[in-house]
Structure formats: structure tokens, C-alpha cells
Amino acid sequence: MLLLLAGLLWLKHGTAQTVGDERPTQWKHFRKFQFTLDGAEAWYIEPAKPLPGKPWVWRAYFPDWHTDMDSILLERGIAIAYIKANDLFGHASAMNLWDALYDFLVYKKQFAAKPALEAVSRGGLYAYAWAKKIHRR
């Protein structure tokens, strides 16, 4: 019965994904994993000592802007993630990419189910559109 429920959850939340090889690199003194996900560039940065539950911040746009805060969050055990859906302005195709990254990080990497969304400038279009969509799941 438990296996059936787990399978049903995956069917509901899992999306068909094409994940390229995760290439570990260094970002400051943290490990950054870069890959493609359904054809889009994506990455996540792991803290050296993740907090229980593996909380994370999702950068909606401008991933290289104000990275000092990212360093502080990583030092405190919070991961950072991003997927490039630029110039799609919260369109359904961008939300599909966001769903794919969410499913990959939550169901395959065991990140927390509720990320903090960091919406800078037009990143608000993505963050609000996705939050509205996920709220309806």
C-alpha cells in the first residue's frame, strides 16, 4: 500500500525530465552543481553543513546579483538554486521549467518542499506565477 501511495505521489508531482550530467564546480568555497534540465541551464549550490530539512532559496532571476547574501545563507546551512528561464516572463513554458527544477530538487535531491522564493525585478513574474500555480496543486 505504501509503495502504491509513493507511486501515485510521483505521478502527481513528478514531471518527465531530461537531466544532463551534474558538473560539480567551486563557487566561493561551496560546491556548485551545474546541469541542464529539460534543455535549460540550471544549478544549485550546497552548503557545507545543510540545516535539517535541507531548506533552500530559489533565485528567480539575475542569479549573479547580490551574491553576498547567498554566501551568508550558505554559511548558515541554506542551499541556493536557479534555472534559466529568461525572457519567458512567467509564461507557462517557464513554469514548466520551474516545476521540473522543483521536482528534481525535492524528489531526487531531498530538498525541502517549501523553498523561499527570491524575486528580484522581473523575477517577481516568475515567483508569483509559480507560487500561484503550486498553491493550486
N, C-alpha and C. Protein backbone atom coordinates (compact mmCIF):
# COMPACT_ATOMS: atom_id res chain seq x y z
N MET A 1 0.82 -1.19 0.00
CA MET A 1 0.00 0.00 0.00
C MET A 1 0.87 1.26 0.00
N LEU A 2 1.92 1.27 0.83
CA LEU A 2 2.81 2.42 0.91
C LEU A 2 3.51 2.65 -0.42
N LEU A 3 3.93 1.59 -1.07
CA LEU A 3 4.58 1.70 -2.38
C LEU A 3 3.62 2.29 -3.40
N LEU A 4 2.36 1.88 -3.37
CA LEU A 4 1.36 2.41 -4.28
C LEU A 4 1.17 3.90 -4.04
N LEU A 5 1.09 4.32 -2.79
CA LEU A 5 0.94 5.74 -2.48
C LEU A 5 2.15 6.54 -2.95
N ALA A 6 3.34 6.01 -2.76
CA ALA A 6 4.54 6.69 -3.22
C ALA A 6 4.51 6.84 -4.73
N GLY A 7 4.09 5.80 -5.45
CA GLY A 7 3.98 5.87 -6.90
C GLY A 7 2.96 6.89 -7.35
N LEU A 8 1.83 6.97 -6.66
CA LEU A 8 0.81 7.95 -7.01
C LEU A 8 1.32 9.37 -6.77
N LEU A 9 2.05 9.57 -5.69
CA LEU A 9 2.64 10.90 -5.44
C LEU A 9 3.60 11.27 -6.55
N TRP A 10 4.42 10.34 -6.99
CA TRP A 10 5.37 10.64 -8.06
C TRP A 10 4.61 10.99 -9.35
N LEU A 11 3.54 10.25 -9.66
CA LEU A 11 2.78 10.55 -10.87
C LEU A 11 2.16 11.94 -10.79
N LYS A 12 1.72 12.32 -9.61
CA LYS A 12 1.09 13.63 -9.46
C LYS A 12 2.12 14.75 -9.54
N HIS A 13 3.26 14.59 -8.88
CA HIS A 13 4.23 15.68 -8.78
C HIS A 13 5.41 15.53 -9.72
N GLY A 14 5.75 14.31 -10.12
CA GLY A 14 6.92 14.13 -10.96
C GLY A 14 6.63 14.54 -12.39
N THR A 15 7.59 15.18 -13.01
CA THR A 15 7.44 15.54 -14.41
C THR A 15 8.49 14.79 -15.20
N ALA A 16 8.21 14.58 -16.48
CA ALA A 16 9.21 13.95 -17.34
C ALA A 16 10.38 14.92 -17.45
N GLN A 17 11.56 14.45 -17.13
CA GLN A 17 12.72 15.33 -17.10
C GLN A 17 13.86 14.73 -17.89
N THR A 18 14.57 15.60 -18.54
CA THR A 18 15.83 15.22 -19.14
C THR A 18 16.88 15.99 -18.37
N VAL A 19 17.67 15.28 -17.57
CA VAL A 19 18.67 15.90 -16.73
C VAL A 19 20.04 15.56 -17.27
N GLY A 20 20.80 16.61 -17.62
CA GLY A 20 22.17 16.40 -18.06
C GLY A 20 23.05 16.09 -16.87
N ASP A 21 24.27 15.66 -17.12
CA ASP A 21 25.19 15.35 -16.04
C ASP A 21 25.40 16.55 -15.13
N GLU A 22 25.39 16.28 -13.84
CA GLU A 22 25.68 17.33 -12.86
C GLU A 22 27.19 17.52 -12.82
N ARG A 23 27.62 18.72 -13.13
CA ARG A 23 29.04 19.03 -13.13
C ARG A 23 29.39 19.83 -11.88
N PRO A 24 30.08 19.21 -10.92
CA PRO A 24 30.44 19.96 -9.71
C PRO A 24 31.57 20.95 -10.00
N THR A 25 31.39 22.16 -9.51
CA THR A 25 32.41 23.20 -9.61
C THR A 25 32.50 23.88 -8.25
N GLN A 26 33.40 24.81 -8.12
CA GLN A 26 33.51 25.61 -6.89
C GLN A 26 32.84 26.95 -7.10
N TRP A 27 32.09 27.38 -6.13
CA TRP A 27 31.56 28.73 -6.08
C TRP A 27 31.94 29.25 -4.71
N LYS A 28 32.86 30.20 -4.70
CA LYS A 28 33.49 30.64 -3.45
C LYS A 28 34.06 29.37 -2.81
N HIS A 29 33.69 29.01 -1.61
CA HIS A 29 34.21 27.76 -1.04
C HIS A 29 33.11 26.70 -0.89
N PHE A 30 32.09 26.80 -1.74
CA PHE A 30 30.97 25.86 -1.72
C PHE A 30 30.97 25.05 -3.02
N ARG A 31 30.28 23.92 -2.98
CA ARG A 31 30.15 23.09 -4.19
C ARG A 31 28.90 23.51 -4.95
N LYS A 32 29.11 23.84 -6.22
CA LYS A 32 28.02 24.22 -7.11
C LYS A 32 27.86 23.11 -8.14
N PHE A 33 26.63 22.69 -8.37
CA PHE A 33 26.33 21.64 -9.33
C PHE A 33 25.56 22.26 -10.50
N GLN A 34 26.19 22.25 -11.68
CA GLN A 34 25.58 22.80 -12.88
C GLN A 34 25.12 21.65 -13.78
N PHE A 35 23.98 21.83 -14.44
CA PHE A 35 23.42 20.79 -15.29
C PHE A 35 22.38 21.41 -16.20
N THR A 36 21.88 20.65 -17.14
CA THR A 36 20.74 21.08 -17.93
C THR A 36 19.54 20.28 -17.49
N LEU A 37 18.41 20.92 -17.52
CA LEU A 37 17.16 20.28 -17.11
C LEU A 37 16.12 20.63 -18.16
N ASP A 38 15.64 19.65 -18.86
CA ASP A 38 14.69 19.88 -19.96
C ASP A 38 15.21 20.95 -20.91
N GLY A 39 16.51 20.96 -21.15
CA GLY A 39 17.14 21.87 -22.09
C GLY A 39 17.55 23.22 -21.52
N ALA A 40 17.22 23.50 -20.27
CA ALA A 40 17.56 24.79 -19.65
C ALA A 40 18.75 24.63 -18.71
N GLU A 41 19.59 25.66 -18.67
CA GLU A 41 20.71 25.67 -17.72
C GLU A 41 20.15 25.80 -16.31
N ALA A 42 20.69 25.00 -15.41
CA ALA A 42 20.25 25.05 -14.01
C ALA A 42 21.44 24.77 -13.11
N TRP A 43 21.30 25.16 -11.85
CA TRP A 43 22.34 24.86 -10.87
C TRP A 43 21.79 24.95 -9.46
N TYR A 44 22.51 24.33 -8.56
CA TYR A 44 22.25 24.52 -7.13
C TYR A 44 23.60 24.53 -6.43
N ILE A 45 23.64 25.23 -5.32
CA ILE A 45 24.85 25.31 -4.51
C ILE A 45 24.51 24.75 -3.14
N GLU A 46 25.33 23.80 -2.70
CA GLU A 46 25.11 23.16 -1.41
C GLU A 46 25.89 23.84 -0.30
N PRO A 47 25.27 24.02 0.85
CA PRO A 47 26.04 24.49 1.99
C PRO A 47 26.93 23.36 2.51
N ALA A 48 28.01 23.72 3.19
CA ALA A 48 28.90 22.69 3.75
C ALA A 48 28.15 21.83 4.77
N LYS A 49 27.31 22.46 5.58
CA LYS A 49 26.52 21.75 6.59
C LYS A 49 25.06 22.18 6.45
N PRO A 50 24.27 21.43 5.66
CA PRO A 50 22.86 21.80 5.48
C PRO A 50 22.08 21.75 6.79
N LEU A 51 21.16 22.67 6.95
CA LEU A 51 20.26 22.63 8.09
C LEU A 51 19.33 21.42 7.96
N PRO A 52 18.78 20.94 9.06
CA PRO A 52 17.81 19.84 8.97
C PRO A 52 16.66 20.21 8.04
N GLY A 53 16.27 19.27 7.20
CA GLY A 53 15.19 19.51 6.26
C GLY A 53 15.66 20.09 4.93
N LYS A 54 16.92 20.44 4.83
CA LYS A 54 17.54 20.98 3.62
C LYS A 54 16.77 22.17 3.02
N PRO A 55 16.64 23.27 3.78
CA PRO A 55 15.97 24.45 3.22
C PRO A 55 16.77 25.05 2.07
N TRP A 56 16.07 25.78 1.20
CA TRP A 56 16.72 26.37 0.05
C TRP A 56 16.03 27.64 -0.41
N VAL A 57 16.81 28.45 -1.09
CA VAL A 57 16.31 29.69 -1.68
C VAL A 57 16.37 29.53 -3.19
N TRP A 58 15.29 29.90 -3.84
CA TRP A 58 15.19 29.81 -5.28
C TRP A 58 15.36 31.20 -5.87
N ARG A 59 16.47 31.40 -6.58
CA ARG A 59 16.73 32.67 -7.26
C ARG A 59 15.88 32.70 -8.53
N ALA A 60 14.99 33.66 -8.64
CA ALA A 60 14.07 33.72 -9.77
C ALA A 60 14.69 34.32 -11.03
N TYR A 61 15.61 35.25 -10.85
CA TYR A 61 16.18 35.97 -11.99
C TYR A 61 17.45 36.64 -11.50
N PHE A 62 18.31 37.06 -12.37
CA PHE A 62 19.56 37.74 -12.02
C PHE A 62 20.35 36.96 -10.96
N PRO A 63 20.78 35.74 -11.28
CA PRO A 63 21.43 34.89 -10.27
C PRO A 63 22.79 35.42 -9.79
N ASP A 64 23.37 36.36 -10.49
CA ASP A 64 24.67 36.89 -10.07
C ASP A 64 24.56 38.22 -9.36
N TRP A 65 23.36 38.63 -9.01
CA TRP A 65 23.13 39.91 -8.37
C TRP A 65 23.07 39.73 -6.85
N HIS A 66 23.79 40.53 -6.12
CA HIS A 66 23.82 40.48 -4.64
C HIS A 66 24.14 39.09 -4.11
N THR A 67 25.22 38.52 -4.55
CA THR A 67 25.59 37.18 -4.11
C THR A 67 26.18 37.14 -2.70
N ASP A 68 26.46 38.30 -2.13
CA ASP A 68 26.92 38.31 -0.73
C ASP A 68 25.88 37.66 0.17
N MET A 69 24.61 37.93 -0.09
CA MET A 69 23.54 37.32 0.71
C MET A 69 23.53 35.81 0.53
N ASP A 70 23.80 35.35 -0.70
CA ASP A 70 23.86 33.90 -0.93
C ASP A 70 24.96 33.26 -0.08
N SER A 71 26.09 33.93 0.01
CA SER A 71 27.19 33.41 0.83
C SER A 71 26.77 33.28 2.28
N ILE A 72 26.07 34.27 2.78
CA ILE A 72 25.61 34.26 4.18
C ILE A 72 24.63 33.10 4.38
N LEU A 73 23.68 32.96 3.47
CA LEU A 73 22.70 31.88 3.59
C LEU A 73 23.38 30.52 3.54
N LEU A 74 24.32 30.35 2.61
CA LEU A 74 25.04 29.08 2.51
C LEU A 74 25.84 28.80 3.78
N GLU A 75 26.46 29.81 4.35
CA GLU A 75 27.20 29.63 5.61
C GLU A 75 26.27 29.17 6.73
N ARG A 76 25.02 29.58 6.65
CA ARG A 76 24.04 29.23 7.68
C ARG A 76 23.28 27.94 7.37
N GLY A 77 23.66 27.25 6.29
CA GLY A 77 23.09 25.93 6.01
C GLY A 77 21.95 25.90 5.01
N ILE A 78 21.75 26.97 4.25
CA ILE A 78 20.64 27.06 3.31
C ILE A 78 21.19 27.00 1.89
N ALA A 79 20.65 26.10 1.07
CA ALA A 79 21.09 25.94 -0.32
C ALA A 79 20.49 27.04 -1.20
N ILE A 80 21.11 27.24 -2.37
CA ILE A 80 20.65 28.21 -3.35
C ILE A 80 20.45 27.48 -4.67
N ALA A 81 19.39 27.79 -5.42
CA ALA A 81 19.14 27.13 -6.70
C ALA A 81 18.63 28.13 -7.73
N TYR A 82 18.79 27.75 -9.00
CA TYR A 82 18.37 28.62 -10.11
C TYR A 82 18.18 27.79 -11.37
N ILE A 83 17.20 28.18 -12.18
CA ILE A 83 17.05 27.63 -13.54
C ILE A 83 16.83 28.80 -14.48
N LYS A 84 17.49 28.76 -15.61
CA LYS A 84 17.42 29.87 -16.56
C LYS A 84 16.17 29.74 -17.42
N ALA A 85 15.23 30.62 -17.17
CA ALA A 85 14.00 30.70 -17.96
C ALA A 85 13.83 32.15 -18.41
N ASN A 86 14.95 32.80 -18.69
CA ASN A 86 14.95 34.23 -19.02
C ASN A 86 14.06 34.55 -20.22
N ASP A 87 13.50 35.72 -20.14
CA ASP A 87 12.68 36.31 -21.21
C ASP A 87 11.42 35.51 -21.51
N LEU A 88 11.00 34.69 -20.57
CA LEU A 88 9.72 33.99 -20.71
C LEU A 88 8.65 34.63 -19.82
N PHE A 89 9.06 35.53 -18.93
CA PHE A 89 8.18 36.40 -18.15
C PHE A 89 7.02 35.70 -17.45
N GLY A 90 7.29 34.57 -16.84
CA GLY A 90 6.26 33.86 -16.09
C GLY A 90 5.29 33.07 -16.97
N HIS A 91 5.60 32.93 -18.25
CA HIS A 91 4.77 32.17 -19.19
C HIS A 91 4.69 30.71 -18.75
N ALA A 92 3.71 29.99 -19.24
CA ALA A 92 3.52 28.58 -18.89
C ALA A 92 4.77 27.75 -19.18
N SER A 93 5.49 28.06 -20.27
CA SER A 93 6.70 27.30 -20.58
C SER A 93 7.77 27.51 -19.50
N ALA A 94 7.83 28.70 -18.93
CA ALA A 94 8.76 28.96 -17.82
C ALA A 94 8.31 28.19 -16.58
N MET A 95 7.02 28.15 -16.33
CA MET A 95 6.50 27.45 -15.16
C MET A 95 6.74 25.95 -15.27
N ASN A 96 6.73 25.42 -16.50
CA ASN A 96 7.06 24.01 -16.69
C ASN A 96 8.50 23.74 -16.30
N LEU A 97 9.41 24.65 -16.66
CA LEU A 97 10.81 24.51 -16.24
C LEU A 97 10.93 24.59 -14.72
N TRP A 98 10.20 25.52 -14.13
CA TRP A 98 10.22 25.65 -12.68
C TRP A 98 9.71 24.37 -12.01
N ASP A 99 8.64 23.82 -12.54
CA ASP A 99 8.12 22.55 -12.00
C ASP A 99 9.19 21.46 -12.09
N ALA A 100 9.88 21.41 -13.21
CA ALA A 100 10.91 20.38 -13.40
C ALA A 100 12.04 20.55 -12.38
N LEU A 101 12.49 21.79 -12.15
CA LEU A 101 13.55 22.01 -11.16
C LEU A 101 13.06 21.66 -9.76
N TYR A 102 11.86 22.09 -9.44
CA TYR A 102 11.29 21.78 -8.13
C TYR A 102 11.25 20.27 -7.91
N ASP A 103 10.70 19.54 -8.87
CA ASP A 103 10.60 18.09 -8.73
C ASP A 103 11.98 17.45 -8.60
N PHE A 104 12.93 17.90 -9.38
CA PHE A 104 14.29 17.36 -9.32
C PHE A 104 14.90 17.59 -7.93
N LEU A 105 14.81 18.81 -7.44
CA LEU A 105 15.44 19.12 -6.15
C LEU A 105 14.71 18.49 -4.96
N VAL A 106 13.39 18.50 -5.01
CA VAL A 106 12.62 17.99 -3.86
C VAL A 106 12.56 16.46 -3.86
N TYR A 107 12.26 15.87 -5.02
CA TYR A 107 12.04 14.42 -5.04
C TYR A 107 13.31 13.60 -5.28
N LYS A 108 14.30 14.19 -5.95
CA LYS A 108 15.53 13.43 -6.19
C LYS A 108 16.68 13.85 -5.28
N LYS A 109 16.71 15.09 -4.85
CA LYS A 109 17.80 15.57 -4.01
C LYS A 109 17.36 15.81 -2.57
N GLN A 110 16.10 15.57 -2.28
CA GLN A 110 15.52 15.68 -0.94
C GLN A 110 15.63 17.08 -0.34
N PHE A 111 15.54 18.12 -1.17
CA PHE A 111 15.48 19.48 -0.65
C PHE A 111 14.11 19.68 0.01
N ALA A 112 13.99 20.70 0.83
CA ALA A 112 12.72 21.00 1.50
C ALA A 112 11.62 21.23 0.47
N ALA A 113 10.41 20.87 0.83
CA ALA A 113 9.28 21.01 -0.09
C ALA A 113 8.83 22.45 -0.28
N LYS A 114 9.19 23.34 0.65
CA LYS A 114 8.78 24.74 0.54
C LYS A 114 10.01 25.65 0.45
N PRO A 115 10.41 25.98 -0.78
CA PRO A 115 11.56 26.88 -0.92
C PRO A 115 11.16 28.33 -0.62
N ALA A 116 12.15 29.13 -0.28
CA ALA A 116 11.95 30.58 -0.20
C ALA A 116 12.20 31.11 -1.60
N LEU A 117 11.28 31.90 -2.13
CA LEU A 117 11.41 32.44 -3.48
C LEU A 117 12.02 33.83 -3.40
N GLU A 118 13.13 34.03 -4.10
CA GLU A 118 13.78 35.34 -4.13
C GLU A 118 13.46 35.99 -5.46
N ALA A 119 12.58 36.97 -5.41
CA ALA A 119 12.10 37.62 -6.62
C ALA A 119 12.68 39.02 -6.74
N VAL A 120 13.64 39.20 -7.63
CA VAL A 120 14.23 40.50 -7.89
C VAL A 120 13.75 40.98 -9.25
N SER A 121 13.25 42.20 -9.32
CA SER A 121 12.84 42.83 -10.57
C SER A 121 11.82 41.93 -11.28
N ARG A 122 12.04 41.63 -12.56
CA ARG A 122 11.07 40.82 -13.29
C ARG A 122 11.02 39.38 -12.79
N GLY A 123 11.92 39.00 -11.90
CA GLY A 123 11.83 37.69 -11.26
C GLY A 123 10.53 37.52 -10.50
N GLY A 124 9.91 38.65 -10.13
CA GLY A 124 8.61 38.59 -9.47
C GLY A 124 7.56 37.95 -10.34
N LEU A 125 7.65 38.13 -11.66
CA LEU A 125 6.70 37.49 -12.57
C LEU A 125 6.77 35.98 -12.44
N TYR A 126 7.99 35.45 -12.32
CA TYR A 126 8.19 34.01 -12.19
C TYR A 126 7.74 33.53 -10.81
N ALA A 127 8.21 34.21 -9.79
CA ALA A 127 7.93 33.77 -8.42
C ALA A 127 6.43 33.77 -8.12
N TYR A 128 5.75 34.85 -8.49
CA TYR A 128 4.31 34.92 -8.21
C TYR A 128 3.52 33.95 -9.07
N ALA A 129 3.90 33.81 -10.32
CA ALA A 129 3.19 32.87 -11.21
C ALA A 129 3.36 31.44 -10.71
N TRP A 130 4.58 31.08 -10.29
CA TRP A 130 4.80 29.72 -9.82
C TRP A 130 4.13 29.49 -8.47
N ALA A 131 4.20 30.47 -7.57
CA ALA A 131 3.56 30.32 -6.26
C ALA A 131 2.04 30.13 -6.44
N LYS A 132 1.47 30.85 -7.36
CA LYS A 132 0.03 30.70 -7.63
C LYS A 132 -0.27 29.31 -8.18
N LYS A 133 0.58 28.87 -9.09
CA LYS A 133 0.38 27.55 -9.71
C LYS A 133 0.54 26.43 -8.68
N ILE A 134 1.60 26.49 -7.90
CA ILE A 134 1.87 25.42 -6.94
C ILE A 134 0.81 25.39 -5.83
N HIS A 135 0.26 26.54 -5.52
CA HIS A 135 -0.78 26.62 -4.49
C HIS A 135 -2.02 25.85 -4.93
N ARG A 136 -2.24 25.75 -6.22
CA ARG A 136 -3.42 25.06 -6.76
C ARG A 136 -3.23 23.56 -6.90
N ARG A 137 -2.00 23.07 -6.70
CA ARG A 137 -1.74 21.62 -6.85
C ARG A 137 -2.52 20.82 -5.86
